[in-house]
Structure formats: structure tokens, C-alpha cells
Amino acid sequence: MIFTDNGGIAEILKSIRVHGKGKDKYDNVRIGINGRLDTIQAAILLAKFEIFPEEIERRQTLAERYNKALG
């Protein structure tokens, strides 16, 4: 999942999401991917959203430790 407030970036990412499609169905303007989740992947992602804030906090704590140790 990607969040942006930049319309140009949003359009590029939408194009990549649908195999590089441009304005027309048969207008392929870039190399794209099929990044859609299957049912199992979606279920796992939904479950991970519940612990997402704690994971971010843990990562931030570790980053601070690395900065102190290496800085």
C-alpha cells in the first residue's frame, strides 16, 4: 500500500499496478506488475495491521540504538 499527495506519482503507480497500462487499454507505457493480493495474503495483512503501531515503535527503538552505537 502506498500513500502520496502527489498526483503525478499516483498516476505512475496506478499504471505500474495494472501492468504498465497507459490511457488506453492497449497502450502499455511502462513495465508494470500484478501486485494484487490473494485471499491468504490479504488475511495476513489485515491481521498485521493490528500490530503495526507496535512494530513501528520497535523499529524506531532499534534505529535509535544503532544511531547511538554507530554515531
Protein backbone atom coordinates (compact mmCIF):
# COMPACT_ATOMS: atom_id res chain seq x y z
CA MET A 1 0.00 0.00 0.00
CA ILE A 2 1.36 3.38 -0.97
CA PHE A 3 0.21 6.83 0.15
CA THR A 4 1.04 10.03 -1.72
CA ASP A 5 -0.34 13.51 -2.16
CA ASN A 6 1.48 13.88 -5.49
CA GLY A 7 -0.91 13.30 -8.40
CA GLY A 8 1.87 12.52 -10.88
CA ILE A 9 3.36 9.82 -8.68
CA ALA A 10 -0.11 8.40 -8.04
CA GLU A 11 -0.76 8.08 -11.80
CA ILE A 12 2.58 6.37 -12.41
CA LEU A 13 1.98 3.91 -9.58
CA LYS A 14 -1.53 3.15 -10.83
CA SER A 15 -0.07 2.42 -14.27
CA ILE A 16 2.57 0.10 -12.82
CA ARG A 17 -0.15 -1.65 -10.80
CA VAL A 18 -2.02 -2.60 -13.99
CA HIS A 19 0.92 -3.96 -16.00
CA GLY A 20 2.09 -0.53 -17.24
CA LYS A 21 -1.17 0.43 -18.92
CA GLY A 22 -1.47 4.00 -20.21
CA LYS A 23 -4.63 5.95 -21.01
CA ASP A 24 -5.94 3.28 -23.39
CA LYS A 25 -6.44 -0.42 -22.66
CA TYR A 26 -3.79 -1.46 -25.20
CA ASP A 27 -1.40 1.44 -24.56
CA ASN A 28 1.44 -0.02 -22.46
CA VAL A 29 3.70 2.88 -21.50
CA ARG A 30 5.97 1.18 -18.96
CA ILE A 31 6.85 -2.18 -17.48
CA GLY A 32 4.30 -3.00 -14.81
CA ILE A 33 3.40 -5.72 -12.35
CA ASN A 34 0.39 -7.52 -10.99
CA GLY A 35 0.65 -6.69 -7.31
CA ARG A 36 -2.80 -7.81 -6.25
CA LEU A 37 -3.07 -9.87 -3.10
CA ASP A 38 -4.71 -13.25 -2.99
CA THR A 39 -7.11 -14.09 -0.17
CA ILE A 40 -4.48 -15.58 2.15
CA GLN A 41 -2.11 -12.63 1.72
CA ALA A 42 -4.94 -10.18 2.37
CA ALA A 43 -5.97 -12.01 5.55
CA ILE A 44 -2.39 -11.95 6.84
CA LEU A 45 -2.07 -8.25 6.04
CA LEU A 46 -5.31 -7.44 7.87
CA ALA A 47 -4.06 -9.30 10.94
CA LYS A 48 -0.73 -7.45 10.80
CA PHE A 49 -2.47 -4.07 10.77
CA GLU A 50 -3.44 -4.69 14.39
CA ILE A 51 0.22 -4.89 15.49
CA PHE A 52 1.56 -2.32 13.01
CA PRO A 53 1.96 0.55 15.55
CA GLU A 54 3.99 -1.69 17.89
CA GLU A 55 6.21 -2.84 15.01
CA ILE A 56 6.91 0.76 14.01
CA GLU A 57 7.77 1.64 17.61
CA ARG A 58 10.15 -1.34 17.88
CA ARG A 59 11.86 -0.39 14.62
CA GLN A 60 12.27 3.19 15.81
CA THR A 61 13.79 2.00 19.10
CA LEU A 62 16.25 -0.24 17.24
CA ALA A 63 17.15 2.57 14.83
CA GLU A 64 17.91 4.84 17.78
CA ARG A 65 20.15 2.14 19.30
CA TYR A 66 22.04 1.75 16.03
CA ASN A 67 22.45 5.52 15.74
CA LYS A 68 23.89 5.71 19.26
CA ALA A 69 26.19 2.73 18.74
CA LEU A 70 27.43 3.76 15.31
CA GLY A 71 27.18 7.53 15.61
